[in-house]
Amino acid sequence: ALDANTVMTRSEQLLYELVSKRAVRSECETIWKSLSDEERKMVQEFSGNRPNIDPNKFEVQQIFALLQQKQLLKVQGTRVIIDPPIFQAYVKSIASSES
């Protein structure tokens, strides 16, 4: 029997396999390069487990709204997720290759 964690782990593995494919990667790169530095920083923050973002700052609210318009950030309950999941996997992969 598959539990939720196994399924989640498998789908995460699949995302990372997809991100390693050149065509998928270049699509993600195109999206990434279209973002401003501030937008990239925010997306990177939300790709981690503990985003360090001050929601009371006006410029933060503006960048957040822009990313929502671009449909790259979605609010689910109390969490903010990067959408599509393949783009989140890409952002995580470039974050880990930079550190």
C-alpha atoms as a PDB file:
ATOM      1  CA  ALA A   1       0.000   0.000   0.000  1.00  0.00           C
ATOM      2  CA  LEU A   2       1.189   3.504  -0.784  1.00  0.00           C
ATOM      3  CA  ASP A   3       0.986   6.114   1.912  1.00  0.00           C
ATOM      4  CA  ALA A   4       0.772   9.851   1.169  1.00  0.00           C
ATOM      5  CA  ASN A   5       4.480  10.408   1.883  1.00  0.00           C
ATOM      6  CA  THR A   6       5.551   7.726  -0.596  1.00  0.00           C
ATOM      7  CA  VAL A   7       3.286   9.181  -3.268  1.00  0.00           C
ATOM      8  CA  MET A   8       4.562  12.703  -2.547  1.00  0.00           C
ATOM      9  CA  THR A   9       8.168  11.558  -2.672  1.00  0.00           C
ATOM     10  CA  ARG A  10       7.578   9.785  -5.983  1.00  0.00           C
ATOM     11  CA  SER A  11       5.930  12.829  -7.534  1.00  0.00           C
ATOM     12  CA  GLU A  12       8.804  15.005  -6.291  1.00  0.00           C
ATOM     13  CA  GLN A  13      11.286  12.564  -7.846  1.00  0.00           C
ATOM     14  CA  LEU A  14       9.358  12.725 -11.097  1.00  0.00           C
ATOM     15  CA  LEU A  15       9.445  16.529 -11.033  1.00  0.00           C
ATOM     16  CA  TYR A  16      13.221  16.528 -10.561  1.00  0.00           C
ATOM     17  CA  GLU A  17      13.607  14.012 -13.396  1.00  0.00           C
ATOM     18  CA  LEU A  18      11.473  16.238 -15.630  1.00  0.00           C
ATOM     19  CA  VAL A  19      13.485  19.320 -14.666  1.00  0.00           C
ATOM     20  CA  SER A  20      16.655  17.545 -15.765  1.00  0.00           C
ATOM     21  CA  LYS A  21      15.246  17.168 -19.288  1.00  0.00           C
ATOM     22  CA  ARG A  22      16.595  19.859 -21.604  1.00  0.00           C
ATOM     23  CA  ALA A  23      13.274  20.993 -23.146  1.00  0.00           C
ATOM     24  CA  VAL A  24      11.542  21.311 -19.774  1.00  0.00           C
ATOM     25  CA  ARG A  25      14.565  23.034 -18.296  1.00  0.00           C
ATOM     26  CA  SER A  26      14.742  25.570 -21.109  1.00  0.00           C
ATOM     27  CA  GLU A  27      11.036  26.392 -20.680  1.00  0.00           C
ATOM     28  CA  CYS A  28      11.634  26.983 -16.968  1.00  0.00           C
ATOM     29  CA  GLU A  29      14.709  29.091 -17.802  1.00  0.00           C
ATOM     30  CA  THR A  30      12.607  31.226 -20.143  1.00  0.00           C
ATOM     31  CA  ILE A  31      10.136  31.925 -17.326  1.00  0.00           C
ATOM     32  CA  TRP A  32      12.986  32.538 -14.859  1.00  0.00           C
ATOM     33  CA  LYS A  33      14.779  34.984 -17.186  1.00  0.00           C
ATOM     34  CA  SER A  34      11.537  36.912 -17.749  1.00  0.00           C
ATOM     35  CA  LEU A  35      11.362  37.739 -14.028  1.00  0.00           C
ATOM     36  CA  SER A  36      12.902  40.804 -12.417  1.00  0.00           C
ATOM     37  CA  ASP A  37      15.577  40.342  -9.730  1.00  0.00           C
ATOM     38  CA  GLU A  38      12.996  41.131  -7.037  1.00  0.00           C
ATOM     39  CA  GLU A  39      10.576  38.585  -8.455  1.00  0.00           C
ATOM     40  CA  ARG A  40      13.322  35.947  -8.584  1.00  0.00           C
ATOM     41  CA  LYS A  41      14.275  36.628  -4.965  1.00  0.00           C
ATOM     42  CA  MET A  42      10.667  36.242  -3.857  1.00  0.00           C
ATOM     43  CA  VAL A  43      10.163  33.029  -5.826  1.00  0.00           C
ATOM     44  CA  GLN A  44      13.370  31.665  -4.300  1.00  0.00           C
ATOM     45  CA  GLU A  45      12.158  32.606  -0.818  1.00  0.00           C
ATOM     46  CA  PHE A  46       8.871  30.762  -1.372  1.00  0.00           C
ATOM     47  CA  SER A  47      10.706  27.720  -2.751  1.00  0.00           C
ATOM     48  CA  GLY A  48      12.276  27.224   0.683  1.00  0.00           C
ATOM     49  CA  ASN A  49      10.598  25.980   3.834  1.00  0.00           C
ATOM     50  CA  ARG A  50      10.707  29.263   5.745  1.00  0.00           C
ATOM     51  CA  PRO A  51      10.235  32.260   3.449  1.00  0.00           C
ATOM     52  CA  ASN A  52      11.721  35.411   4.944  1.00  0.00           C
ATOM     53  CA  ILE A  53       9.251  37.928   3.543  1.00  0.00           C
ATOM     54  CA  ASP A  54       7.679  40.960   5.204  1.00  0.00           C
ATOM     55  CA  PRO A  55       4.055  41.003   3.981  1.00  0.00           C
ATOM     56  CA  ASN A  56       3.593  44.519   5.392  1.00  0.00           C
ATOM     57  CA  LYS A  57       6.044  46.130   2.970  1.00  0.00           C
ATOM     58  CA  PHE A  58       4.328  47.782   0.027  1.00  0.00           C
ATOM     59  CA  GLU A  59       6.956  46.738  -2.525  1.00  0.00           C
ATOM     60  CA  VAL A  60       6.704  43.136  -1.313  1.00  0.00           C
ATOM     61  CA  GLN A  61       2.927  43.269  -1.817  1.00  0.00           C
ATOM     62  CA  GLN A  62       3.444  44.657  -5.340  1.00  0.00           C
ATOM     63  CA  ILE A  63       5.921  41.940  -6.343  1.00  0.00           C
ATOM     64  CA  PHE A  64       3.656  39.287  -4.823  1.00  0.00           C
ATOM     65  CA  ALA A  65       0.681  40.638  -6.804  1.00  0.00           C
ATOM     66  CA  LEU A  66       2.730  40.588 -10.024  1.00  0.00           C
ATOM     67  CA  LEU A  67       3.772  36.977  -9.460  1.00  0.00           C
ATOM     68  CA  GLN A  68       0.151  36.069  -8.772  1.00  0.00           C
ATOM     69  CA  GLN A  69      -0.900  37.777 -12.020  1.00  0.00           C
ATOM     70  CA  LYS A  70       1.740  35.730 -13.832  1.00  0.00           C
ATOM     71  CA  GLN A  71       0.206  32.698 -12.091  1.00  0.00           C
ATOM     72  CA  LEU A  72       3.532  31.675 -10.587  1.00  0.00           C
ATOM     73  CA  LEU A  73       2.415  32.073  -6.967  1.00  0.00           C
ATOM     74  CA  LYS A  74      -0.832  30.757  -5.530  1.00  0.00           C
ATOM     75  CA  VAL A  75      -2.249  30.976  -2.039  1.00  0.00           C
ATOM     76  CA  GLN A  76      -3.479  27.666  -0.627  1.00  0.00           C
ATOM     77  CA  GLY A  77      -4.931  28.148   2.821  1.00  0.00           C
ATOM     78  CA  THR A  78      -2.130  29.702   4.850  1.00  0.00           C
ATOM     79  CA  ARG A  79       0.601  28.610   2.436  1.00  0.00           C
ATOM     80  CA  VAL A  80       1.970  30.199  -0.687  1.00  0.00           C
ATOM     81  CA  ILE A  81       2.951  27.716  -3.370  1.00  0.00           C
ATOM     82  CA  ILE A  82       4.894  28.117  -6.578  1.00  0.00           C
ATOM     83  CA  ASP A  83       2.913  26.994  -9.562  1.00  0.00           C
ATOM     84  CA  PRO A  84       3.373  24.997 -11.728  1.00  0.00           C
ATOM     85  CA  PRO A  85       5.136  22.437  -9.481  1.00  0.00           C
ATOM     86  CA  ILE A  86       7.716  21.833 -12.220  1.00  0.00           C
ATOM     87  CA  PHE A  87       8.763  25.494 -11.929  1.00  0.00           C
ATOM     88  CA  GLN A  88       9.144  25.089  -8.160  1.00  0.00           C
ATOM     89  CA  ALA A  89      11.375  22.055  -8.742  1.00  0.00           C
ATOM     90  CA  TYR A  90      13.426  24.129 -11.208  1.00  0.00           C
ATOM     91  CA  VAL A  91      13.806  27.018  -8.728  1.00  0.00           C
ATOM     92  CA  LYS A  92      14.875  24.575  -6.004  1.00  0.00           C
ATOM     93  CA  SER A  93      17.365  22.951  -8.373  1.00  0.00           C
ATOM     94  CA  ILE A  94      19.005  26.253  -9.269  1.00  0.00           C
ATOM     95  CA  ALA A  95      19.004  27.342  -5.618  1.00  0.00           C
ATOM     96  CA  SER A  96      20.821  24.160  -4.605  1.00  0.00           C
ATOM     97  CA  SER A  97      23.328  24.494  -7.468  1.00  0.00           C
ATOM     98  CA  GLU A  98      24.120  28.088  -6.415  1.00  0.00           C
ATOM     99  CA  SER A  99      24.833  27.238  -2.770  1.00  0.00           C
END
